[in-house]
N, C-alpha and C. Protein backbone atom coordinates (compact mmCIF):
# COMPACT_ATOMS: atom_id res chain seq x y z
N MET A 1 34.19 119.33 114.39
CA MET A 1 35.19 119.83 115.30
C MET A 1 36.44 120.15 114.48
N LYS A 2 36.88 121.36 114.50
CA LYS A 2 38.07 121.78 113.78
C LYS A 2 39.24 121.82 114.75
N SER A 3 40.39 121.32 114.34
CA SER A 3 41.59 121.37 115.16
C SER A 3 42.71 121.97 114.35
N SER A 4 43.59 122.61 115.03
CA SER A 4 44.76 123.16 114.37
C SER A 4 45.99 122.60 115.07
N LEU A 5 46.78 121.84 114.34
CA LEU A 5 48.00 121.26 114.88
C LEU A 5 49.18 121.90 114.19
N VAL A 6 50.25 122.05 114.88
CA VAL A 6 51.44 122.69 114.33
C VAL A 6 52.56 121.67 114.26
N SER A 7 53.20 121.59 113.11
CA SER A 7 54.38 120.75 112.97
C SER A 7 55.34 121.46 112.03
N SER A 8 56.41 120.80 111.69
CA SER A 8 57.41 121.41 110.82
C SER A 8 57.17 121.08 109.36
N SER A 9 56.15 120.32 109.06
CA SER A 9 55.93 119.88 107.69
C SER A 9 54.47 120.07 107.29
N PRO A 10 54.22 120.68 106.10
CA PRO A 10 52.83 120.84 105.65
C PRO A 10 52.13 119.49 105.46
N VAL A 11 52.87 118.47 105.03
CA VAL A 11 52.28 117.14 104.83
C VAL A 11 51.86 116.56 106.17
N VAL A 12 52.72 116.69 107.18
CA VAL A 12 52.39 116.20 108.51
C VAL A 12 51.20 116.97 109.06
N ASP A 13 51.18 118.30 108.87
CA ASP A 13 50.05 119.12 109.34
C ASP A 13 48.75 118.62 108.75
N ARG A 14 48.75 118.40 107.42
CA ARG A 14 47.53 117.96 106.74
C ARG A 14 47.09 116.60 107.24
N ARG A 15 48.03 115.65 107.37
CA ARG A 15 47.67 114.30 107.81
C ARG A 15 47.20 114.28 109.26
N LEU A 16 47.86 115.06 110.14
CA LEU A 16 47.41 115.13 111.52
C LEU A 16 46.01 115.69 111.60
N THR A 17 45.74 116.76 110.84
CA THR A 17 44.41 117.37 110.85
C THR A 17 43.37 116.39 110.34
N GLU A 18 43.69 115.66 109.25
CA GLU A 18 42.76 114.67 108.72
C GLU A 18 42.50 113.56 109.73
N ALA A 19 43.56 113.13 110.45
CA ALA A 19 43.39 112.06 111.43
C ALA A 19 42.52 112.52 112.58
N VAL A 20 42.76 113.75 113.06
CA VAL A 20 41.98 114.27 114.18
C VAL A 20 40.52 114.44 113.79
N GLU A 21 40.28 114.91 112.58
CA GLU A 21 38.90 115.14 112.13
C GLU A 21 38.23 113.87 111.65
N GLY A 22 38.95 112.78 111.60
CA GLY A 22 38.35 111.51 111.21
C GLY A 22 38.33 111.26 109.72
N ARG A 23 38.93 112.14 108.92
CA ARG A 23 39.00 111.90 107.48
C ARG A 23 40.13 110.94 107.19
N ASN A 24 39.99 110.17 106.12
CA ASN A 24 40.99 109.19 105.69
C ASN A 24 41.31 108.18 106.80
N TRP A 25 40.37 107.90 107.65
CA TRP A 25 40.54 106.90 108.70
C TRP A 25 39.81 105.66 108.24
N PRO A 26 40.27 104.47 108.51
CA PRO A 26 39.64 103.26 107.98
C PRO A 26 38.17 103.10 108.38
N SER A 27 37.76 103.60 109.51
CA SER A 27 36.39 103.41 109.96
C SER A 27 35.44 104.40 109.30
N LYS A 28 34.27 103.97 108.89
CA LYS A 28 33.26 104.83 108.29
C LYS A 28 32.30 105.36 109.35
N LYS A 29 32.37 104.80 110.58
CA LYS A 29 31.46 105.21 111.63
C LYS A 29 31.75 106.63 112.07
N ARG A 30 30.76 107.21 112.65
CA ARG A 30 30.92 108.53 113.25
C ARG A 30 31.76 108.37 114.51
N ILE A 31 32.74 109.21 114.68
CA ILE A 31 33.61 109.08 115.83
C ILE A 31 33.26 110.11 116.88
N GLY A 32 33.46 109.73 118.12
CA GLY A 32 33.14 110.63 119.22
C GLY A 32 34.38 111.34 119.73
N PRO A 33 34.19 112.25 120.68
CA PRO A 33 35.32 113.03 121.20
C PRO A 33 36.38 112.17 121.90
N GLY A 34 35.98 111.06 122.55
CA GLY A 34 36.96 110.19 123.20
C GLY A 34 37.92 109.57 122.20
N THR A 35 37.40 109.19 121.04
CA THR A 35 38.23 108.60 120.01
C THR A 35 39.23 109.63 119.47
N ILE A 36 38.75 110.86 119.32
CA ILE A 36 39.63 111.92 118.83
C ILE A 36 40.78 112.14 119.82
N HIS A 37 40.47 112.16 121.10
CA HIS A 37 41.52 112.36 122.09
C HIS A 37 42.50 111.20 122.09
N MET A 38 42.01 109.99 121.95
CA MET A 38 42.90 108.83 121.88
C MET A 38 43.80 108.92 120.66
N ARG A 39 43.22 109.37 119.54
CA ARG A 39 44.04 109.54 118.33
C ARG A 39 45.12 110.59 118.55
N LEU A 40 44.75 111.69 119.20
CA LEU A 40 45.73 112.74 119.47
C LEU A 40 46.86 112.22 120.37
N ILE A 41 46.49 111.47 121.39
CA ILE A 41 47.49 110.90 122.29
C ILE A 41 48.40 109.95 121.52
N PHE A 42 47.81 109.10 120.69
CA PHE A 42 48.58 108.16 119.88
C PHE A 42 49.53 108.90 118.94
N ILE A 43 49.00 109.90 118.25
CA ILE A 43 49.81 110.65 117.28
C ILE A 43 50.93 111.41 118.00
N ALA A 44 50.62 112.03 119.14
CA ALA A 44 51.64 112.76 119.88
C ALA A 44 52.73 111.82 120.38
N THR A 45 52.32 110.64 120.86
CA THR A 45 53.29 109.65 121.33
C THR A 45 54.20 109.21 120.19
N MET A 46 53.62 108.93 119.05
CA MET A 46 54.42 108.51 117.89
C MET A 46 55.37 109.62 117.46
N ALA A 47 54.90 110.86 117.47
CA ALA A 47 55.77 111.98 117.09
C ALA A 47 56.95 112.11 118.05
N VAL A 48 56.70 111.97 119.34
CA VAL A 48 57.78 112.05 120.33
C VAL A 48 58.78 110.93 120.12
N LEU A 49 58.29 109.71 119.89
CA LEU A 49 59.19 108.58 119.67
C LEU A 49 60.03 108.77 118.42
N MET A 50 59.41 109.27 117.34
CA MET A 50 60.17 109.46 116.10
C MET A 50 61.21 110.55 116.25
N VAL A 51 60.88 111.64 116.93
CA VAL A 51 61.84 112.71 117.14
C VAL A 51 62.98 112.20 118.02
N GLY A 52 62.65 111.43 119.06
CA GLY A 52 63.67 110.88 119.94
C GLY A 52 64.63 109.97 119.21
N GLN A 53 64.10 109.13 118.31
CA GLN A 53 64.96 108.23 117.54
C GLN A 53 65.85 109.01 116.58
N ALA A 54 65.30 110.05 115.98
CA ALA A 54 66.09 110.85 115.03
C ALA A 54 67.22 111.56 115.74
N ALA A 55 66.99 111.95 117.00
CA ALA A 55 68.00 112.69 117.74
C ALA A 55 68.99 111.76 118.45
N ALA A 56 68.69 110.48 118.53
CA ALA A 56 69.54 109.54 119.25
C ALA A 56 70.91 109.42 118.58
N LYS A 57 71.94 109.29 119.40
CA LYS A 57 73.30 109.14 118.91
C LYS A 57 73.49 107.72 118.37
N ASP A 58 74.11 107.61 117.24
CA ASP A 58 74.40 106.29 116.65
C ASP A 58 75.64 105.75 117.34
N VAL A 59 75.44 104.96 118.40
CA VAL A 59 76.56 104.47 119.20
C VAL A 59 77.42 103.44 118.48
N LEU A 60 76.95 102.92 117.37
CA LEU A 60 77.73 101.94 116.62
C LEU A 60 78.39 102.54 115.38
N SER A 61 78.32 103.85 115.23
CA SER A 61 78.99 104.48 114.08
C SER A 61 80.50 104.40 114.31
N GLY A 62 81.26 104.47 113.24
CA GLY A 62 82.71 104.43 113.34
C GLY A 62 83.25 105.53 114.23
N ALA A 63 82.71 106.73 114.09
CA ALA A 63 83.18 107.86 114.90
C ALA A 63 82.90 107.64 116.38
N SER A 64 81.73 107.12 116.69
CA SER A 64 81.36 106.88 118.08
C SER A 64 82.23 105.78 118.70
N LEU A 65 82.45 104.70 117.97
CA LEU A 65 83.29 103.62 118.47
C LEU A 65 84.73 104.08 118.66
N TYR A 66 85.22 104.90 117.72
CA TYR A 66 86.59 105.42 117.85
C TYR A 66 86.70 106.32 119.08
N ALA A 67 85.67 107.12 119.33
CA ALA A 67 85.68 107.99 120.51
C ALA A 67 85.71 107.15 121.78
N ASP A 68 84.99 106.02 121.80
CA ASP A 68 85.02 105.14 122.97
C ASP A 68 86.41 104.54 123.19
N VAL A 69 87.05 104.11 122.11
CA VAL A 69 88.40 103.55 122.23
C VAL A 69 89.38 104.62 122.70
N ALA A 70 89.26 105.83 122.16
CA ALA A 70 90.15 106.92 122.58
C ALA A 70 89.93 107.25 124.06
N ARG A 71 88.69 107.26 124.50
CA ARG A 71 88.39 107.53 125.91
C ARG A 71 88.99 106.43 126.79
N TYR A 72 88.80 105.17 126.40
CA TYR A 72 89.35 104.04 127.15
C TYR A 72 90.87 104.16 127.26
N GLU A 73 91.51 104.47 126.17
CA GLU A 73 92.97 104.58 126.13
C GLU A 73 93.45 105.73 127.00
N SER A 74 92.64 106.78 127.13
CA SER A 74 93.05 107.97 127.88
C SER A 74 93.23 107.69 129.38
N PHE A 75 92.69 106.58 129.87
CA PHE A 75 92.81 106.25 131.29
C PHE A 75 94.16 105.64 131.63
N GLY A 76 94.98 105.34 130.63
CA GLY A 76 96.31 104.79 130.88
C GLY A 76 96.27 103.31 131.17
N LEU A 77 97.21 102.85 131.98
CA LEU A 77 97.33 101.44 132.33
C LEU A 77 96.03 100.96 132.99
N HIS A 78 95.50 99.84 132.51
CA HIS A 78 94.23 99.31 133.01
C HIS A 78 94.42 98.10 133.92
N ARG A 79 95.59 97.89 134.42
CA ARG A 79 95.88 96.73 135.26
C ARG A 79 94.98 96.74 136.48
N PHE A 80 94.52 95.57 136.92
CA PHE A 80 93.60 95.44 138.04
C PHE A 80 94.09 96.24 139.24
N GLY A 81 93.21 97.06 139.81
CA GLY A 81 93.54 97.83 141.00
C GLY A 81 94.26 99.14 140.73
N SER A 82 94.61 99.41 139.49
CA SER A 82 95.32 100.65 139.16
C SER A 82 94.33 101.81 139.05
N PRO A 83 94.83 103.05 139.11
CA PRO A 83 93.93 104.20 138.90
C PRO A 83 93.23 104.14 137.53
N GLY A 84 93.93 103.65 136.51
CA GLY A 84 93.31 103.51 135.18
C GLY A 84 92.18 102.50 135.17
N ASP A 85 92.35 101.42 135.94
CA ASP A 85 91.30 100.41 136.07
C ASP A 85 90.07 101.03 136.72
N ARG A 86 90.26 101.77 137.79
CA ARG A 86 89.12 102.39 138.49
C ARG A 86 88.44 103.44 137.62
N ALA A 87 89.23 104.25 136.92
CA ALA A 87 88.65 105.27 136.04
C ALA A 87 87.83 104.61 134.93
N THR A 88 88.33 103.50 134.40
CA THR A 88 87.60 102.78 133.36
C THR A 88 86.29 102.23 133.91
N ALA A 89 86.34 101.62 135.09
CA ALA A 89 85.12 101.07 135.70
C ALA A 89 84.11 102.18 135.98
N ASP A 90 84.57 103.32 136.48
CA ASP A 90 83.66 104.44 136.75
C ASP A 90 83.04 104.97 135.46
N TRP A 91 83.83 105.05 134.41
CA TRP A 91 83.32 105.53 133.11
C TRP A 91 82.24 104.58 132.58
N ILE A 92 82.51 103.28 132.59
CA ILE A 92 81.53 102.31 132.09
C ILE A 92 80.27 102.35 132.96
N ALA A 93 80.43 102.46 134.28
CA ALA A 93 79.27 102.54 135.17
C ALA A 93 78.44 103.78 134.85
N GLY A 94 79.10 104.89 134.59
CA GLY A 94 78.39 106.12 134.23
C GLY A 94 77.60 105.97 132.95
N GLU A 95 78.20 105.30 131.97
CA GLU A 95 77.49 105.07 130.69
C GLU A 95 76.27 104.17 130.91
N MET A 96 76.42 103.16 131.76
CA MET A 96 75.30 102.26 132.05
C MET A 96 74.19 102.99 132.79
N LYS A 97 74.56 103.82 133.77
CA LYS A 97 73.56 104.59 134.51
C LYS A 97 72.82 105.54 133.58
N GLN A 98 73.57 106.18 132.68
CA GLN A 98 72.96 107.11 131.72
C GLN A 98 71.97 106.39 130.82
N ALA A 99 72.22 105.12 130.56
CA ALA A 99 71.31 104.31 129.73
C ALA A 99 70.14 103.77 130.53
N GLY A 100 70.11 104.05 131.85
CA GLY A 100 68.97 103.65 132.66
C GLY A 100 69.17 102.39 133.49
N PHE A 101 70.38 101.86 133.50
CA PHE A 101 70.64 100.65 134.29
C PHE A 101 71.03 101.00 135.71
N GLU A 102 70.74 100.11 136.63
CA GLU A 102 71.20 100.24 138.00
C GLU A 102 72.57 99.58 138.07
N VAL A 103 73.53 100.28 138.66
CA VAL A 103 74.91 99.79 138.68
C VAL A 103 75.39 99.69 140.11
N SER A 104 76.09 98.60 140.41
CA SER A 104 76.73 98.46 141.72
C SER A 104 78.08 97.79 141.50
N PHE A 105 78.98 98.02 142.45
CA PHE A 105 80.30 97.41 142.39
C PHE A 105 80.40 96.32 143.45
N GLN A 106 81.15 95.27 143.14
CA GLN A 106 81.40 94.21 144.10
C GLN A 106 82.90 94.17 144.38
N PRO A 107 83.28 94.09 145.64
CA PRO A 107 84.71 94.06 145.94
C PRO A 107 85.35 92.75 145.46
N VAL A 108 86.55 92.86 144.95
CA VAL A 108 87.31 91.71 144.47
C VAL A 108 88.72 91.81 145.05
N VAL A 109 89.23 90.72 145.55
CA VAL A 109 90.58 90.69 146.11
C VAL A 109 91.44 89.82 145.20
N LEU A 110 92.57 90.36 144.80
CA LEU A 110 93.52 89.63 143.98
C LEU A 110 94.75 89.38 144.84
N GLY A 111 95.10 88.12 145.00
CA GLY A 111 96.20 87.76 145.87
C GLY A 111 97.53 88.38 145.49
N ARG A 112 98.11 87.95 144.42
CA ARG A 112 99.45 88.36 144.05
C ARG A 112 99.44 88.93 142.64
N GLN A 113 100.11 90.05 142.47
CA GLN A 113 100.14 90.69 141.16
C GLN A 113 101.40 91.53 141.04
N TYR A 114 101.89 91.66 139.86
CA TYR A 114 102.98 92.59 139.61
C TYR A 114 102.65 93.40 138.36
N VAL A 115 103.22 94.57 138.28
CA VAL A 115 103.02 95.45 137.13
C VAL A 115 104.39 95.72 136.54
N VAL A 116 104.55 95.39 135.29
CA VAL A 116 105.81 95.65 134.59
C VAL A 116 105.68 96.97 133.86
N GLU A 117 106.45 97.94 134.28
CA GLU A 117 106.41 99.24 133.60
C GLU A 117 107.23 99.21 132.32
N GLN A 118 108.32 98.48 132.35
CA GLN A 118 109.16 98.38 131.16
C GLN A 118 110.02 97.15 131.28
N ALA A 119 110.05 96.35 130.23
CA ALA A 119 110.92 95.18 130.19
C ALA A 119 111.43 95.03 128.77
N SER A 120 112.66 94.57 128.67
CA SER A 120 113.22 94.36 127.34
C SER A 120 114.17 93.17 127.39
N ALA A 121 114.41 92.64 126.22
CA ALA A 121 115.38 91.56 126.07
C ALA A 121 116.38 92.02 125.03
N GLU A 122 117.65 91.75 125.29
CA GLU A 122 118.69 92.19 124.37
C GLU A 122 119.52 91.00 123.95
N ALA A 123 119.75 90.90 122.66
CA ALA A 123 120.60 89.83 122.12
C ALA A 123 121.41 90.40 120.98
N SER A 124 122.69 90.17 121.03
CA SER A 124 123.62 90.65 119.98
C SER A 124 123.45 92.13 119.69
N GLY A 125 123.23 92.92 120.75
CA GLY A 125 123.13 94.36 120.59
C GLY A 125 121.75 94.85 120.15
N THR A 126 120.83 93.96 119.93
CA THR A 126 119.47 94.35 119.53
C THR A 126 118.54 94.19 120.73
N SER A 127 117.81 95.25 121.06
CA SER A 127 116.91 95.24 122.20
C SER A 127 115.47 95.24 121.71
N ILE A 128 114.63 94.40 122.30
CA ILE A 128 113.21 94.37 121.96
C ILE A 128 112.39 94.39 123.25
N GLU A 129 111.16 94.88 123.16
CA GLU A 129 110.27 94.86 124.32
C GLU A 129 109.92 93.41 124.64
N ALA A 130 109.77 93.11 125.91
CA ALA A 130 109.48 91.74 126.34
C ALA A 130 108.52 91.77 127.52
N THR A 131 107.86 90.68 127.76
CA THR A 131 106.97 90.54 128.91
C THR A 131 107.38 89.29 129.67
N PRO A 132 107.80 89.42 130.91
CA PRO A 132 108.17 88.23 131.68
C PRO A 132 106.93 87.46 132.12
N PHE A 133 107.00 86.15 132.11
CA PHE A 133 105.90 85.30 132.57
C PHE A 133 106.30 84.61 133.87
N TRP A 134 106.96 85.34 134.72
CA TRP A 134 107.31 84.82 136.03
C TRP A 134 107.19 85.97 137.01
N TRP A 135 107.16 85.64 138.28
CA TRP A 135 107.08 86.68 139.30
C TRP A 135 108.46 87.29 139.50
N PRO A 136 108.57 88.61 139.34
CA PRO A 136 109.85 89.26 139.61
C PRO A 136 110.21 89.13 141.09
N PRO A 137 111.48 89.24 141.41
CA PRO A 137 111.88 89.16 142.83
C PRO A 137 111.15 90.23 143.64
N GLU A 138 110.53 89.81 144.76
CA GLU A 138 109.73 90.74 145.55
C GLU A 138 110.57 91.83 146.20
N ASP A 139 111.86 91.57 146.42
CA ASP A 139 112.70 92.55 147.10
C ASP A 139 113.38 93.54 146.14
N LYS A 140 113.05 93.45 144.84
CA LYS A 140 113.70 94.32 143.87
C LYS A 140 112.66 95.00 142.97
N ALA A 141 112.74 96.32 142.91
CA ALA A 141 111.84 97.07 142.03
C ALA A 141 112.28 96.89 140.58
N SER A 142 113.58 96.73 140.37
CA SER A 142 114.09 96.47 139.03
C SER A 142 115.30 95.55 139.16
N PHE A 143 115.61 94.85 138.11
CA PHE A 143 116.75 93.95 138.14
C PHE A 143 117.22 93.71 136.72
N HIS A 144 118.41 93.15 136.62
CA HIS A 144 119.02 92.84 135.34
C HIS A 144 119.31 91.34 135.32
N LEU A 145 118.91 90.69 134.27
CA LEU A 145 119.15 89.26 134.11
C LEU A 145 119.96 89.07 132.83
N SER A 146 121.05 88.39 132.94
CA SER A 146 121.90 88.16 131.79
C SER A 146 122.18 86.67 131.68
N ALA A 147 121.86 86.10 130.53
CA ALA A 147 122.11 84.67 130.30
C ALA A 147 122.03 84.42 128.80
N LEU A 148 122.49 83.27 128.39
CA LEU A 148 122.40 82.91 126.98
C LEU A 148 120.93 82.71 126.60
N LEU A 149 120.63 82.93 125.34
CA LEU A 149 119.28 82.77 124.82
C LEU A 149 119.18 81.45 124.08
N ALA A 150 118.12 80.69 124.35
CA ALA A 150 117.95 79.40 123.69
C ALA A 150 116.49 79.20 123.31
N ARG A 151 116.27 78.54 122.19
CA ARG A 151 114.91 78.18 121.76
C ARG A 151 114.66 76.70 121.95
N ASP A 152 115.68 75.91 121.68
CA ASP A 152 115.53 74.46 121.70
C ASP A 152 116.67 73.84 122.51
N GLY A 153 116.55 72.55 122.68
CA GLY A 153 117.63 71.81 123.34
C GLY A 153 117.67 72.08 124.83
N ASP A 154 118.88 72.00 125.36
CA ASP A 154 119.08 72.21 126.79
C ASP A 154 118.99 73.71 127.09
N VAL A 155 118.01 74.09 127.87
CA VAL A 155 117.81 75.51 128.19
C VAL A 155 118.11 75.81 129.65
N ALA A 156 118.63 74.82 130.37
CA ALA A 156 118.92 75.02 131.79
C ALA A 156 119.85 76.21 131.97
N GLY A 157 119.43 77.17 132.82
CA GLY A 157 120.24 78.35 133.10
C GLY A 157 120.25 79.37 131.98
N LYS A 158 119.51 79.17 130.92
CA LYS A 158 119.46 80.09 129.78
C LYS A 158 118.10 80.79 129.74
N ILE A 159 118.03 81.88 129.02
CA ILE A 159 116.74 82.56 128.79
C ILE A 159 116.05 81.80 127.67
N LEU A 160 114.87 81.33 127.93
CA LEU A 160 114.13 80.53 126.95
C LEU A 160 113.24 81.42 126.10
N TRP A 161 113.43 81.32 124.81
CA TRP A 161 112.60 82.04 123.84
C TRP A 161 111.37 81.18 123.61
N LEU A 162 110.20 81.72 123.96
CA LEU A 162 108.96 80.98 123.86
C LEU A 162 107.94 81.79 123.08
N GLU A 163 107.40 81.21 122.04
CA GLU A 163 106.34 81.88 121.27
C GLU A 163 105.02 81.22 121.61
N LEU A 164 104.07 82.05 122.01
CA LEU A 164 102.75 81.56 122.37
C LEU A 164 101.79 81.78 121.20
N PRO A 165 100.84 80.87 121.01
CA PRO A 165 99.89 81.03 119.91
C PRO A 165 98.97 82.23 120.15
N PHE A 166 98.65 82.95 119.09
CA PHE A 166 97.73 84.09 119.19
C PHE A 166 96.32 83.56 119.01
N ASP A 167 95.47 83.80 120.02
CA ASP A 167 94.10 83.29 119.93
C ASP A 167 93.05 84.38 120.15
N ARG A 168 93.44 85.63 120.08
CA ARG A 168 92.57 86.79 120.26
C ARG A 168 92.02 86.92 121.68
N GLY A 169 92.47 86.09 122.59
CA GLY A 169 92.01 86.17 123.98
C GLY A 169 92.75 87.27 124.72
N ALA A 170 92.10 87.81 125.73
CA ALA A 170 92.72 88.86 126.53
C ALA A 170 93.63 88.29 127.61
N TYR A 171 93.45 87.02 127.94
CA TYR A 171 94.21 86.40 129.00
C TYR A 171 94.88 85.13 128.49
N LEU A 172 95.76 84.60 129.31
CA LEU A 172 96.41 83.36 128.95
C LEU A 172 95.41 82.22 129.04
N GLY A 173 95.21 81.55 127.94
CA GLY A 173 94.28 80.42 127.90
C GLY A 173 94.98 79.13 128.28
N PRO A 174 94.26 78.03 128.25
CA PRO A 174 94.84 76.73 128.63
C PRO A 174 96.07 76.37 127.79
N ALA A 175 96.02 76.62 126.49
CA ALA A 175 97.17 76.28 125.64
C ALA A 175 98.40 77.11 126.03
N HIS A 176 98.19 78.37 126.40
CA HIS A 176 99.30 79.23 126.82
C HIS A 176 99.88 78.74 128.15
N ARG A 177 99.00 78.47 129.10
CA ARG A 177 99.46 78.02 130.41
C ARG A 177 100.22 76.70 130.31
N ASP A 178 99.74 75.79 129.46
CA ASP A 178 100.42 74.51 129.26
C ASP A 178 101.82 74.72 128.68
N ALA A 179 101.92 75.63 127.68
CA ALA A 179 103.22 75.90 127.05
C ALA A 179 104.19 76.53 128.05
N ILE A 180 103.69 77.43 128.90
CA ILE A 180 104.54 78.07 129.90
C ILE A 180 104.98 77.06 130.95
N ALA A 181 104.07 76.19 131.39
CA ALA A 181 104.43 75.16 132.39
C ALA A 181 105.47 74.21 131.82
N GLU A 182 105.30 73.83 130.57
CA GLU A 182 106.26 72.93 129.91
C GLU A 182 107.62 73.62 129.80
N ALA A 183 107.62 74.92 129.47
CA ALA A 183 108.87 75.66 129.36
C ALA A 183 109.55 75.77 130.73
N ALA A 184 108.77 76.05 131.78
CA ALA A 184 109.34 76.19 133.12
C ALA A 184 109.94 74.87 133.60
N ALA A 185 109.36 73.75 133.20
CA ALA A 185 109.88 72.44 133.59
C ALA A 185 111.26 72.18 132.98
N ARG A 186 111.62 72.94 131.95
CA ARG A 186 112.92 72.77 131.30
C ARG A 186 114.02 73.52 132.04
N LYS A 187 113.70 74.17 133.13
CA LYS A 187 114.66 74.87 134.03
C LYS A 187 115.45 75.97 133.34
N PRO A 188 114.74 76.97 132.78
CA PRO A 188 115.48 78.10 132.21
C PRO A 188 116.12 78.94 133.32
N ALA A 189 116.78 80.03 132.95
CA ALA A 189 117.48 80.88 133.91
C ALA A 189 116.54 81.37 135.00
N PRO A 190 117.02 81.44 136.25
CA PRO A 190 116.17 81.98 137.32
C PRO A 190 115.93 83.48 137.09
N SER A 191 114.98 84.05 137.83
CA SER A 191 114.59 85.42 137.59
C SER A 191 115.60 86.44 138.08
N CYS A 192 116.66 86.03 138.73
CA CYS A 192 117.69 87.01 139.10
C CYS A 192 118.99 86.29 139.39
């Protein structure tokens, strides 16, 4: 039985033809037509898998990871419940669906939250970005707080300078919460 297979490589053509015709196969027995068809199916399946792998995007390459970070950043503020948060969730869900996963969303309710668009602290004419760790007054969209700055000693009525340990976590961990609770117990300046 003569077969003619077409591929992009003369070496692959020769090996496929030899495999179909039963040459260079480990078995010395005479092969029947069913075996030839099984070999063709096996060879075709392997060829499809190899072509698919060669064409697959390397999702862990530097360029691919950078593109993911750039896409994530393009959604803007990712605070819970924000449009950026929803766009990010939809993007990740789309990627998961494209990979063949079934995706569903579960509703989540967050009791109290605030979003700081801009905050700064100024001392001796120098202004730096800051993040408040207290709830801003609910009746004010913005406010100004002016008080002396203190790191140690009596901080009652003063703005307390507090440095939290960096632990690579995305949220305040137990050590952070303990430090903030201890600082709040020292009665620094009220929020307005």
